């Protein structure tokens, strides 16, 4: 596959990475940051794997589907954690993670 076939997934992964970065930064500003510890960890993991997935898709790597499968799993875990918190940044992050997971699952087949 060439990278054009991955365009919507690449865009979704890029947007998810940005949402996760924002969420992690905002969580660090929360008054009870300890309560947000797992959210921050998953935000960082999710942003990292989304960027890796973009790199693999953009280069047309034969391992892109496998990376996308892992990305979908991590995005789902991040979304589940973010959905435990009612903060605006967590809600937006969960939405981006769910959309990215959906796109990545399509690529992983």
PDB file of N, CA and C in Angstrom:
ATOM      1  N   UNK A   1       0.838  -1.196   0.000  1.00  0.00           N
ATOM      2  CA  UNK A   1       0.000   0.000   0.000  1.00  0.00           C
ATOM      3  C   UNK A   1       0.875   1.248   0.000  1.00  0.00           C
ATOM      4  N   UNK A   2       0.446   2.252  -0.728  1.00  0.00           N
ATOM      5  CA  UNK A   2       1.165   3.515  -0.643  1.00  0.00           C
ATOM      6  C   UNK A   2       0.466   4.409   0.381  1.00  0.00           C
ATOM      7  N   UNK A   3       1.144   5.477   0.750  1.00  0.00           N
ATOM      8  CA  UNK A   3       0.629   6.283   1.855  1.00  0.00           C
ATOM      9  C   UNK A   3      -0.720   6.936   1.562  1.00  0.00           C
ATOM     10  N   UNK A   4      -1.094   7.150   0.285  1.00  0.00           N
ATOM     11  CA  UNK A   4      -2.397   7.736  -0.021  1.00  0.00           C
ATOM     12  C   UNK A   4      -3.539   6.847   0.453  1.00  0.00           C
ATOM     13  N   UNK A   5      -3.315   5.541   0.451  1.00  0.00           N
ATOM     14  CA  UNK A   5      -4.355   4.621   0.893  1.00  0.00           C
ATOM     15  C   UNK A   5      -4.576   4.716   2.402  1.00  0.00           C
ATOM     16  N   UNK A   6      -3.633   5.324   3.085  1.00  0.00           N
ATOM     17  CA  UNK A   6      -3.716   5.461   4.536  1.00  0.00           C
ATOM     18  C   UNK A   6      -4.155   6.864   4.973  1.00  0.00           C
ATOM     19  N   UNK A   7      -4.430   7.745   4.029  1.00  0.00           N
ATOM     20  CA  UNK A   7      -4.636   9.159   4.350  1.00  0.00           C
ATOM     21  C   UNK A   7      -5.587   9.425   5.511  1.00  0.00           C
ATOM     22  N   UNK A   8      -6.774   8.832   5.510  1.00  0.00           N
ATOM     23  CA  UNK A   8      -7.724   9.139   6.584  1.00  0.00           C
ATOM     24  C   UNK A   8      -7.227   8.624   7.924  1.00  0.00           C
ATOM     25  N   UNK A   9      -6.544   7.497   7.929  1.00  0.00           N
ATOM     26  CA  UNK A   9      -6.004   6.963   9.172  1.00  0.00           C
ATOM     27  C   UNK A   9      -4.833   7.826   9.660  1.00  0.00           C
ATOM     28  N   UNK A  10      -3.999   8.267   8.731  1.00  0.00           N
ATOM     29  CA  UNK A  10      -2.888   9.150   9.102  1.00  0.00           C
ATOM     30  C   UNK A  10      -3.418  10.424   9.747  1.00  0.00           C
ATOM     31  N   UNK A  11      -4.444  11.007   9.146  1.00  0.00           N
ATOM     32  CA  UNK A  11      -5.039  12.233   9.708  1.00  0.00           C
ATOM     33  C   UNK A  11      -5.634  11.968  11.083  1.00  0.00           C
ATOM     34  N   UNK A  12      -6.316  10.851  11.234  1.00  0.00           N
ATOM     35  CA  UNK A  12      -6.922  10.508  12.513  1.00  0.00           C
ATOM     36  C   UNK A  12      -5.857  10.279  13.589  1.00  0.00           C
ATOM     37  N   UNK A  13      -4.791   9.576  13.230  1.00  0.00           N
ATOM     38  CA  UNK A  13      -3.698   9.328  14.184  1.00  0.00           C
ATOM     39  C   UNK A  13      -3.013  10.638  14.581  1.00  0.00           C
ATOM     40  N   UNK A  14      -2.801  11.517  13.617  1.00  0.00           N
ATOM     41  CA  UNK A  14      -2.172  12.807  13.920  1.00  0.00           C
ATOM     42  C   UNK A  14      -3.040  13.624  14.862  1.00  0.00           C
ATOM     43  N   UNK A  15      -4.339  13.670  14.579  1.00  0.00           N
ATOM     44  CA  UNK A  15      -5.261  14.400  15.447  1.00  0.00           C
ATOM     45  C   UNK A  15      -5.344  13.803  16.836  1.00  0.00           C
ATOM     46  N   UNK A  16      -5.297  12.496  16.911  1.00  0.00           N
ATOM     47  CA  UNK A  16      -5.347  11.812  18.201  1.00  0.00           C
ATOM     48  C   UNK A  16      -4.099  12.124  19.017  1.00  0.00           C
ATOM     49  N   UNK A  17      -2.941  12.103  18.377  1.00  0.00           N
ATOM     50  CA  UNK A  17      -1.696  12.418  19.085  1.00  0.00           C
ATOM     51  C   UNK A  17      -1.748  13.827  19.675  1.00  0.00           C
ATOM     52  N   UNK A  18      -2.273  14.759  18.917  1.00  0.00           N
ATOM     53  CA  UNK A  18      -2.392  16.141  19.394  1.00  0.00           C
ATOM     54  C   UNK A  18      -3.368  16.217  20.564  1.00  0.00           C
ATOM     55  N   UNK A  19      -4.511  15.542  20.448  1.00  0.00           N
ATOM     56  CA  UNK A  19      -5.499  15.537  21.535  1.00  0.00           C
ATOM     57  C   UNK A  19      -4.917  14.917  22.802  1.00  0.00           C
ATOM     58  N   UNK A  20      -4.149  13.847  22.639  1.00  0.00           N
ATOM     59  CA  UNK A  20      -3.524  13.193  23.792  1.00  0.00           C
ATOM     60  C   UNK A  20      -2.465  14.084  24.440  1.00  0.00           C
ATOM     61  N   UNK A  21      -1.677  14.772  23.620  1.00  0.00           N
ATOM     62  CA  UNK A  21      -0.688  15.714  24.161  1.00  0.00           C
ATOM     63  C   UNK A  21      -1.377  16.805  24.970  1.00  0.00           C
ATOM     64  N   UNK A  22      -2.452  17.346  24.408  1.00  0.00           N
ATOM     65  CA  UNK A  22      -3.192  18.397  25.104  1.00  0.00           C
ATOM     66  C   UNK A  22      -3.789  17.874  26.404  1.00  0.00           C
ATOM     67  N   UNK A  23      -4.371  16.694  26.355  1.00  0.00           N
ATOM     68  CA  UNK A  23      -4.990  16.113  27.543  1.00  0.00           C
ATOM     69  C   UNK A  23      -3.947  15.887  28.641  1.00  0.00           C
ATOM     70  N   UNK A  24      -2.810  15.326  28.282  1.00  0.00           N
ATOM     71  CA  UNK A  24      -1.755  15.079  29.273  1.00  0.00           C
ATOM     72  C   UNK A  24      -1.302  16.389  29.910  1.00  0.00           C
ATOM     73  N   UNK A  25      -1.106  17.421  29.094  1.00  0.00           N
ATOM     74  CA  UNK A  25      -0.678  18.723  29.619  1.00  0.00           C
ATOM     75  C   UNK A  25      -1.736  19.317  30.548  1.00  0.00           C
ATOM     76  N   UNK A  26      -2.984  19.218  30.132  1.00  0.00           N
ATOM     77  CA  UNK A  26      -4.073  19.754  30.954  1.00  0.00           C
ATOM     78  C   UNK A  26      -4.215  18.966  32.253  1.00  0.00           C
ATOM     79  N   UNK A  27      -4.024  17.650  32.184  1.00  0.00           N
ATOM     80  CA  UNK A  27      -4.105  16.819  33.396  1.00  0.00           C
ATOM     81  C   UNK A  27      -3.031  17.214  34.408  1.00  0.00           C
ATOM     82  N   UNK A  28      -1.874  17.620  33.915  1.00  0.00           N
ATOM     83  CA  UNK A  28      -0.794  18.044  34.806  1.00  0.00           C
ATOM     84  C   UNK A  28      -1.141  19.313  35.568  1.00  0.00           C
ATOM     85  N   UNK A  29      -2.096  20.067  35.056  1.00  0.00           N
ATOM     86  CA  UNK A  29      -2.529  21.307  35.699  1.00  0.00           C
ATOM     87  C   UNK A  29      -3.701  21.094  36.658  1.00  0.00           C
ATOM     88  N   UNK A  30      -4.240  19.896  36.698  1.00  0.00           N
ATOM     89  CA  UNK A  30      -5.383  19.614  37.571  1.00  0.00           C
ATOM     90  C   UNK A  30      -4.966  19.732  39.038  1.00  0.00           C
ATOM     91  N   UNK A  31      -5.892  20.230  39.881  1.00  0.00           N
ATOM     92  CA  UNK A  31      -5.572  20.370  41.313  1.00  0.00           C
ATOM     93  C   UNK A  31      -5.205  19.030  41.965  1.00  0.00           C
ATOM     94  N   UNK A  32      -5.884  17.970  41.563  1.00  0.00           N
ATOM     95  CA  UNK A  32      -5.594  16.648  42.117  1.00  0.00           C
ATOM     96  C   UNK A  32      -4.939  15.808  41.014  1.00  0.00           C
ATOM     97  N   UNK A  33      -3.712  16.171  40.692  1.00  0.00           N
ATOM     98  CA  UNK A  33      -3.017  15.510  39.596  1.00  0.00           C
ATOM     99  C   UNK A  33      -2.846  14.011  39.854  1.00  0.00           C
ATOM    100  N   UNK A  34      -2.724  13.627  41.089  1.00  0.00           N
ATOM    101  CA  UNK A  34      -2.549  12.204  41.422  1.00  0.00           C
ATOM    102  C   UNK A  34      -3.700  11.373  40.855  1.00  0.00           C
ATOM    103  N   UNK A  35      -4.900  11.920  40.887  1.00  0.00           N
ATOM    104  CA  UNK A  35      -6.078  11.229  40.370  1.00  0.00           C
ATOM    105  C   UNK A  35      -5.988  11.038  38.844  1.00  0.00           C
ATOM    106  N   UNK A  36      -5.173  11.856  38.192  1.00  0.00           N
ATOM    107  CA  UNK A  36      -5.062  11.835  36.731  1.00  0.00           C
ATOM    108  C   UNK A  36      -3.847  11.040  36.245  1.00  0.00           C
ATOM    109  N   UNK A  37      -3.138  10.397  37.164  1.00  0.00           N
ATOM    110  CA  UNK A  37      -1.887   9.713  36.829  1.00  0.00           C
ATOM    111  C   UNK A  37      -2.043   8.714  35.673  1.00  0.00           C
ATOM    112  N   UNK A  38      -3.027   7.830  35.735  1.00  0.00           N
ATOM    113  CA  UNK A  38      -3.208   6.818  34.693  1.00  0.00           C
ATOM    114  C   UNK A  38      -3.626   7.460  33.372  1.00  0.00           C
ATOM    115  N   UNK A  39      -4.407   8.505  33.456  1.00  0.00           N
ATOM    116  CA  UNK A  39      -4.819   9.225  32.253  1.00  0.00           C
ATOM    117  C   UNK A  39      -3.592   9.805  31.554  1.00  0.00           C
ATOM    118  N   UNK A  40      -2.709  10.413  32.318  1.00  0.00           N
ATOM    119  CA  UNK A  40      -1.495  10.997  31.753  1.00  0.00           C
ATOM    120  C   UNK A  40      -0.633   9.913  31.106  1.00  0.00           C
ATOM    121  N   UNK A  41      -0.446   8.812  31.813  1.00  0.00           N
ATOM    122  CA  UNK A  41       0.367   7.721  31.261  1.00  0.00           C
ATOM    123  C   UNK A  41      -0.189   7.214  29.930  1.00  0.00           C
ATOM    124  N   UNK A  42      -1.495   6.984  29.900  1.00  0.00           N
ATOM    125  CA  UNK A  42      -2.109   6.481  28.671  1.00  0.00           C
ATOM    126  C   UNK A  42      -2.095   7.532  27.563  1.00  0.00           C
ATOM    127  N   UNK A  43      -2.272   8.796  27.920  1.00  0.00           N
ATOM    128  CA  UNK A  43      -2.161   9.870  26.925  1.00  0.00           C
ATOM    129  C   UNK A  43      -0.789   9.835  26.260  1.00  0.00           C
ATOM    130  N   UNK A  44       0.255   9.697  27.065  1.00  0.00           N
ATOM    131  CA  UNK A  44       1.616   9.672  26.527  1.00  0.00           C
ATOM    132  C   UNK A  44       1.852   8.453  25.645  1.00  0.00           C
ATOM    133  N   UNK A  45       1.385   7.283  26.111  1.00  0.00           N
ATOM    134  CA  UNK A  45       1.516   6.063  25.304  1.00  0.00           C
ATOM    135  C   UNK A  45       0.766   6.192  23.985  1.00  0.00           C
ATOM    136  N   UNK A  46      -0.431   6.703  24.074  1.00  0.00           N
ATOM    137  CA  UNK A  46      -1.284   6.812  22.889  1.00  0.00           C
ATOM    138  C   UNK A  46      -0.689   7.796  21.880  1.00  0.00           C
ATOM    139  N   UNK A  47      -0.239   8.949  22.354  1.00  0.00           N
ATOM    140  CA  UNK A  47       0.370   9.926  21.446  1.00  0.00           C
ATOM    141  C   UNK A  47       1.587   9.315  20.754  1.00  0.00           C
ATOM    142  N   UNK A  48       2.380   8.575  21.504  1.00  0.00           N
ATOM    143  CA  UNK A  48       3.592   7.972  20.941  1.00  0.00           C
ATOM    144  C   UNK A  48       3.258   6.934  19.866  1.00  0.00           C
ATOM    145  N   UNK A  49       2.325   6.034  20.167  1.00  0.00           N
ATOM    146  CA  UNK A  49       1.999   4.981  19.184  1.00  0.00           C
ATOM    147  C   UNK A  49       1.306   5.579  17.967  1.00  0.00           C
ATOM    148  N   UNK A  50       0.530   6.622  18.157  1.00  0.00           N
ATOM    149  CA  UNK A  50      -0.107   7.273  17.008  1.00  0.00           C
ATOM    150  C   UNK A  50       0.952   7.849  16.069  1.00  0.00           C
ATOM    151  N   UNK A  51       1.981   8.443  16.629  1.00  0.00           N
ATOM    152  CA  UNK A  51       3.046   9.004  15.787  1.00  0.00           C
ATOM    153  C   UNK A  51       3.820   7.898  15.071  1.00  0.00           C
ATOM    154  N   UNK A  52       4.051   6.799  15.758  1.00  0.00           N
ATOM    155  CA  UNK A  52       4.729   5.662  15.130  1.00  0.00           C
ATOM    156  C   UNK A  52       3.865   5.110  13.995  1.00  0.00           C
ATOM    157  N   UNK A  53       2.573   4.983  14.240  1.00  0.00           N
ATOM    158  CA  UNK A  53       1.661   4.475  13.206  1.00  0.00           C
ATOM    159  C   UNK A  53       1.699   5.380  11.977  1.00  0.00           C
ATOM    160  N   UNK A  54       1.709   6.690  12.189  1.00  0.00           N
ATOM    161  CA  UNK A  54       1.797   7.631  11.067  1.00  0.00           C
ATOM    162  C   UNK A  54       3.078   7.383  10.274  1.00  0.00           C
ATOM    163  N   UNK A  55       4.181   7.207  10.959  1.00  0.00           N
ATOM    164  CA  UNK A  55       5.456   6.964  10.276  1.00  0.00           C
ATOM    165  C   UNK A  55       5.408   5.682   9.450  1.00  0.00           C
ATOM    166  N   UNK A  56       4.853   4.620  10.020  1.00  0.00           N
ATOM    167  CA  UNK A  56       4.789   3.343   9.311  1.00  0.00           C
ATOM    168  C   UNK A  56       3.858   3.425   8.108  1.00  0.00           C
ATOM    169  N   UNK A  57       2.728   4.093   8.271  1.00  0.00           N
ATOM    170  CA  UNK A  57       1.807   4.232   7.144  1.00  0.00           C
ATOM    171  C   UNK A  57       2.391   5.124   6.058  1.00  0.00           C
ATOM    172  N   UNK A  58       2.983   6.250   6.447  1.00  0.00           N
ATOM    173  CA  UNK A  58       3.528   7.198   5.478  1.00  0.00           C
ATOM    174  C   UNK A  58       4.642   6.575   4.639  1.00  0.00           C
ATOM    175  N   UNK A  59       5.387   5.663   5.235  1.00  0.00           N
ATOM    176  CA  UNK A  59       6.483   5.029   4.492  1.00  0.00           C
ATOM    177  C   UNK A  59       6.029   3.778   3.746  1.00  0.00           C
ATOM    178  N   UNK A  60       4.777   3.373   3.956  1.00  0.00           N
ATOM    179  CA  UNK A  60       4.270   2.175   3.295  1.00  0.00           C
ATOM    180  C   UNK A  60       4.884   0.899   3.842  1.00  0.00           C
ATOM    181  N   UNK A  61       5.263   0.929   5.104  1.00  0.00           N
ATOM    182  CA  UNK A  61       5.898  -0.238   5.722  1.00  0.00           C
ATOM    183  C   UNK A  61       4.996  -1.466   5.662  1.00  0.00           C
ATOM    184  N   UNK A  62       5.613  -2.609   5.444  1.00  0.00           N
ATOM    185  CA  UNK A  62       4.840  -3.856   5.438  1.00  0.00           C
ATOM    186  C   UNK A  62       4.332  -4.199   6.831  1.00  0.00           C
ATOM    187  N   UNK A  63       4.816  -3.512   7.857  1.00  0.00           N
ATOM    188  CA  UNK A  63       4.366  -3.742   9.223  1.00  0.00           C
ATOM    189  C   UNK A  63       3.309  -2.726   9.673  1.00  0.00           C
ATOM    190  N   UNK A  64       2.882  -1.866   8.776  1.00  0.00           N
ATOM    191  CA  UNK A  64       1.918  -0.817   9.130  1.00  0.00           C
ATOM    192  C   UNK A  64       0.630  -1.394   9.706  1.00  0.00           C
ATOM    193  N   UNK A  65       0.116  -2.457   9.137  1.00  0.00           N
ATOM    194  CA  UNK A  65      -1.137  -3.038   9.634  1.00  0.00           C
ATOM    195  C   UNK A  65      -0.976  -3.531  11.067  1.00  0.00           C
ATOM    196  N   UNK A  66       0.155  -4.140  11.369  1.00  0.00           N
ATOM    197  CA  UNK A  66       0.395  -4.615  12.732  1.00  0.00           C
ATOM    198  C   UNK A  66       0.504  -3.459  13.713  1.00  0.00           C
ATOM    199  N   UNK A  67       1.196  -2.407  13.318  1.00  0.00           N
ATOM    200  CA  UNK A  67       1.326  -1.231  14.181  1.00  0.00           C
ATOM    201  C   UNK A  67      -0.050  -0.591  14.380  1.00  0.00           C
ATOM    202  N   UNK A  68      -0.838  -0.544  13.321  1.00  0.00           N
ATOM    203  CA  UNK A  68      -2.190   0.020  13.438  1.00  0.00           C
ATOM    204  C   UNK A  68      -3.055  -0.805  14.400  1.00  0.00           C
ATOM    205  N   UNK A  69      -2.885  -2.118  14.382  1.00  0.00           N
ATOM    206  CA  UNK A  69      -3.627  -2.956  15.314  1.00  0.00           C
ATOM    207  C   UNK A  69      -3.283  -2.627  16.757  1.00  0.00           C
ATOM    208  N   UNK A  70      -1.994  -2.461  17.042  1.00  0.00           N
ATOM    209  CA  UNK A  70      -1.563  -2.081  18.385  1.00  0.00           C
ATOM    210  C   UNK A  70      -2.054  -0.684  18.728  1.00  0.00           C
ATOM    211  N   UNK A  71      -1.984   0.212  17.773  1.00  0.00           N
ATOM    212  CA  UNK A  71      -2.459   1.582  17.982  1.00  0.00           C
ATOM    213  C   UNK A  71      -3.937   1.581  18.363  1.00  0.00           C
ATOM    214  N   UNK A  72      -4.728   0.785  17.691  1.00  0.00           N
ATOM    215  CA  UNK A  72      -6.164   0.704  18.006  1.00  0.00           C
ATOM    216  C   UNK A  72      -6.376   0.257  19.447  1.00  0.00           C
ATOM    217  N   UNK A  73      -5.606  -0.726  19.893  1.00  0.00           N
ATOM    218  CA  UNK A  73      -5.754  -1.229  21.264  1.00  0.00           C
ATOM    219  C   UNK A  73      -5.380  -0.166  22.295  1.00  0.00           C
ATOM    220  N   UNK A  74      -4.302   0.540  22.043  1.00  0.00           N
ATOM    221  CA  UNK A  74      -3.872   1.579  22.984  1.00  0.00           C
ATOM    222  C   UNK A  74      -4.846   2.754  22.967  1.00  0.00           C
ATOM    223  N   UNK A  75      -5.342   3.110  21.793  1.00  0.00           N
ATOM    224  CA  UNK A  75      -6.347   4.180  21.700  1.00  0.00           C
ATOM    225  C   UNK A  75      -7.604   3.826  22.495  1.00  0.00           C
ATOM    226  N   UNK A  76      -8.035   2.582  22.404  1.00  0.00           N
ATOM    227  CA  UNK A  76      -9.212   2.145  23.161  1.00  0.00           C
ATOM    228  C   UNK A  76      -8.972   2.261  24.658  1.00  0.00           C
ATOM    229  N   UNK A  77      -7.793   1.836  25.107  1.00  0.00           N
ATOM    230  CA  UNK A  77      -7.465   1.922  26.539  1.00  0.00           C
ATOM    231  C   UNK A  77      -7.438   3.372  26.999  1.00  0.00           C
ATOM    232  N   UNK A  78      -6.873   4.243  26.184  1.00  0.00           N
ATOM    233  CA  UNK A  78      -6.816   5.666  26.528  1.00  0.00           C
ATOM    234  C   UNK A  78      -8.226   6.261  26.578  1.00  0.00           C
ATOM    235  N   UNK A  79      -9.040   5.917  25.604  1.00  0.00           N
ATOM    236  CA  UNK A  79     -10.424   6.415  25.587  1.00  0.00           C
ATOM    237  C   UNK A  79     -11.178   5.971  26.838  1.00  0.00           C
ATOM    238  N   UNK A  80     -11.017   4.713  27.210  1.00  0.00           N
ATOM    239  CA  UNK A  80     -11.711   4.208  28.405  1.00  0.00           C
ATOM    240  C   UNK A  80     -11.293   4.971  29.658  1.00  0.00           C
ATOM    241  N   UNK A  81     -10.010   5.249  29.769  1.00  0.00           N
ATOM    242  CA  UNK A  81      -9.532   6.001  30.939  1.00  0.00           C
ATOM    243  C   UNK A  81     -10.042   7.438  30.906  1.00  0.00           C
ATOM    244  N   UNK A  82      -9.934   8.090  29.766  1.00  0.00           N
ATOM    245  CA  UNK A  82     -10.385   9.482  29.654  1.00  0.00           C
ATOM    246  C   UNK A  82     -11.881   9.613  29.943  1.00  0.00           C
ATOM    247  N   UNK A  83     -12.648   8.598  29.574  1.00  0.00           N
ATOM    248  CA  UNK A  83     -14.094   8.648  29.802  1.00  0.00           C
ATOM    249  C   UNK A  83     -14.457   8.571  31.283  1.00  0.00           C
ATOM    250  N   UNK A  84     -13.514   8.250  32.134  1.00  0.00           N
ATOM    251  CA  UNK A  84     -13.752   8.238  33.578  1.00  0.00           C
ATOM    252  C   UNK A  84     -13.753   9.648  34.157  1.00  0.00           C
ATOM    253  N   UNK A  85     -13.278  10.610  33.378  1.00  0.00           N
ATOM    254  CA  UNK A  85     -13.133  11.988  33.852  1.00  0.00           C
ATOM    255  C   UNK A  85     -14.024  12.900  33.027  1.00  0.00           C
ATOM    256  N   UNK A  86     -14.648  13.853  33.680  1.00  0.00           N
ATOM    257  CA  UNK A  86     -15.590  14.735  32.993  1.00  0.00           C
ATOM    258  C   UNK A  86     -14.957  16.025  32.483  1.00  0.00           C
ATOM    259  N   UNK A  87     -13.668  16.128  32.568  1.00  0.00           N
ATOM    260  CA  UNK A  87     -13.005  17.347  32.106  1.00  0.00           C
ATOM    261  C   UNK A  87     -13.109  17.450  30.585  1.00  0.00           C
ATOM    262  N   UNK A  88     -13.203  18.664  30.108  1.00  0.00           N
ATOM    263  CA  UNK A  88     -13.381  18.899  28.671  1.00  0.00           C
ATOM    264  C   UNK A  88     -12.251  18.279  27.851  1.00  0.00           C
ATOM    265  N   UNK A  89     -11.031  18.417  28.329  1.00  0.00           N
ATOM    266  CA  UNK A  89      -9.891  17.869  27.582  1.00  0.00           C
ATOM    267  C   UNK A  89      -9.941  16.348  27.541  1.00  0.00           C
ATOM    268  N   UNK A  90     -10.450  15.709  28.590  1.00  0.00           N
ATOM    269  CA  UNK A  90     -10.569  14.245  28.602  1.00  0.00           C
ATOM    270  C   UNK A  90     -11.681  13.781  27.653  1.00  0.00           C
ATOM    271  N   UNK A  91     -12.765  14.518  27.626  1.00  0.00           N
ATOM    272  CA  UNK A  91     -13.875  14.176  26.727  1.00  0.00           C
ATOM    273  C   UNK A  91     -13.417  14.282  25.273  1.00  0.00           C
ATOM    274  N   UNK A  92     -12.712  15.364  24.950  1.00  0.00           N
ATOM    275  CA  UNK A  92     -12.217  15.549  23.584  1.00  0.00           C
ATOM    276  C   UNK A  92     -11.187  14.476  23.228  1.00  0.00           C
ATOM    277  N   UNK A  93     -10.345  14.131  24.169  1.00  0.00           N
ATOM    278  CA  UNK A  93      -9.323  13.108  23.924  1.00  0.00           C
ATOM    279  C   UNK A  93      -9.978  11.745  23.691  1.00  0.00           C
ATOM    280  N   UNK A  94     -10.949  11.404  24.521  1.00  0.00           N
ATOM    281  CA  UNK A  94     -11.642  10.121  24.361  1.00  0.00           C
ATOM    282  C   UNK A  94     -12.284  10.019  22.981  1.00  0.00           C
ATOM    283  N   UNK A  95     -12.876  11.110  22.529  1.00  0.00           N
ATOM    284  CA  UNK A  95     -13.510  11.118  21.206  1.00  0.00           C
ATOM    285  C   UNK A  95     -12.462  10.895  20.112  1.00  0.00           C
ATOM    286  N   UNK A  96     -11.351  11.598  20.196  1.00  0.00           N
ATOM    287  CA  UNK A  96     -10.285  11.445  19.198  1.00  0.00           C
ATOM    288  C   UNK A  96      -9.718  10.028  19.219  1.00  0.00           C
ATOM    289  N   UNK A  97      -9.584   9.467  20.419  1.00  0.00           N
ATOM    290  CA  UNK A  97      -9.054   8.101  20.552  1.00  0.00           C
ATOM    291  C   UNK A  97     -10.009   7.076  19.942  1.00  0.00           C
ATOM    292  N   UNK A  98     -11.290   7.240  20.167  1.00  0.00           N
ATOM    293  CA  UNK A  98     -12.272   6.305  19.596  1.00  0.00           C
ATOM    294  C   UNK A  98     -12.250   6.366  18.068  1.00  0.00           C
ATOM    295  N   UNK A  99     -12.194   7.574  17.525  1.00  0.00           N
ATOM    296  CA  UNK A  99     -12.147   7.728  16.067  1.00  0.00           C
ATOM    297  C   UNK A  99     -10.870   7.112  15.486  1.00  0.00           C
ATOM    298  N   UNK A 100      -9.769   7.331  16.154  1.00  0.00           N
ATOM    299  CA  UNK A 100      -8.493   6.796  15.696  1.00  0.00           C
ATOM    300  C   UNK A 100      -8.502   5.267  15.773  1.00  0.00           C
ATOM    301  N   UNK A 101      -9.030   4.730  16.860  1.00  0.00           N
ATOM    302  CA  UNK A 101      -9.100   3.270  17.009  1.00  0.00           C
ATOM    303  C   UNK A 101      -9.896   2.662  15.868  1.00  0.00           C
ATOM    304  N   UNK A 102     -10.990   3.304  15.518  1.00  0.00           N
ATOM    305  CA  UNK A 102     -11.830   2.816  14.420  1.00  0.00           C
ATOM    306  C   UNK A 102     -11.063   2.812  13.090  1.00  0.00           C
ATOM    307  N   UNK A 103     -10.380   3.919  12.810  1.00  0.00           N
ATOM    308  CA  UNK A 103      -9.596   4.009  11.568  1.00  0.00           C
ATOM    309  C   UNK A 103      -8.473   2.966  11.558  1.00  0.00           C
ATOM    310  N   UNK A 104      -7.806   2.817  12.690  1.00  0.00           N
ATOM    311  CA  UNK A 104      -6.680   1.877  12.756  1.00  0.00           C
ATOM    312  C   UNK A 104      -7.151   0.426  12.626  1.00  0.00           C
ATOM    313  N   UNK A 105      -8.307   0.128  13.182  1.00  0.00           N
ATOM    314  CA  UNK A 105      -8.846  -1.245  13.025  1.00  0.00           C
ATOM    315  C   UNK A 105      -9.081  -1.560  11.549  1.00  0.00           C
ATOM    316  N   UNK A 106      -9.542  -0.586  10.793  1.00  0.00           N
ATOM    317  CA  UNK A 106      -9.753  -0.795   9.347  1.00  0.00           C
ATOM    318  C   UNK A 106      -8.434  -1.068   8.630  1.00  0.00           C
ATOM    319  N   UNK A 107      -7.380  -0.418   9.066  1.00  0.00           N
ATOM    320  CA  UNK A 107      -6.060  -0.605   8.440  1.00  0.00           C
ATOM    321  C   UNK A 107      -5.428  -1.919   8.864  1.00  0.00           C
ATOM    322  N   UNK A 108      -5.806  -2.411  10.025  1.00  0.00           N
ATOM    323  CA  UNK A 108      -5.148  -3.602  10.590  1.00  0.00           C
ATOM    324  C   UNK A 108      -5.631  -4.903   9.956  1.00  0.00           C
ATOM    325  N   UNK A 109      -6.643  -4.836   9.128  1.00  0.00           N
ATOM    326  CA  UNK A 109      -7.183  -6.051   8.542  1.00  0.00           C
ATOM    327  C   UNK A 109      -6.360  -6.547   7.384  1.00  0.00           C
TER     328      UNK A 109
END
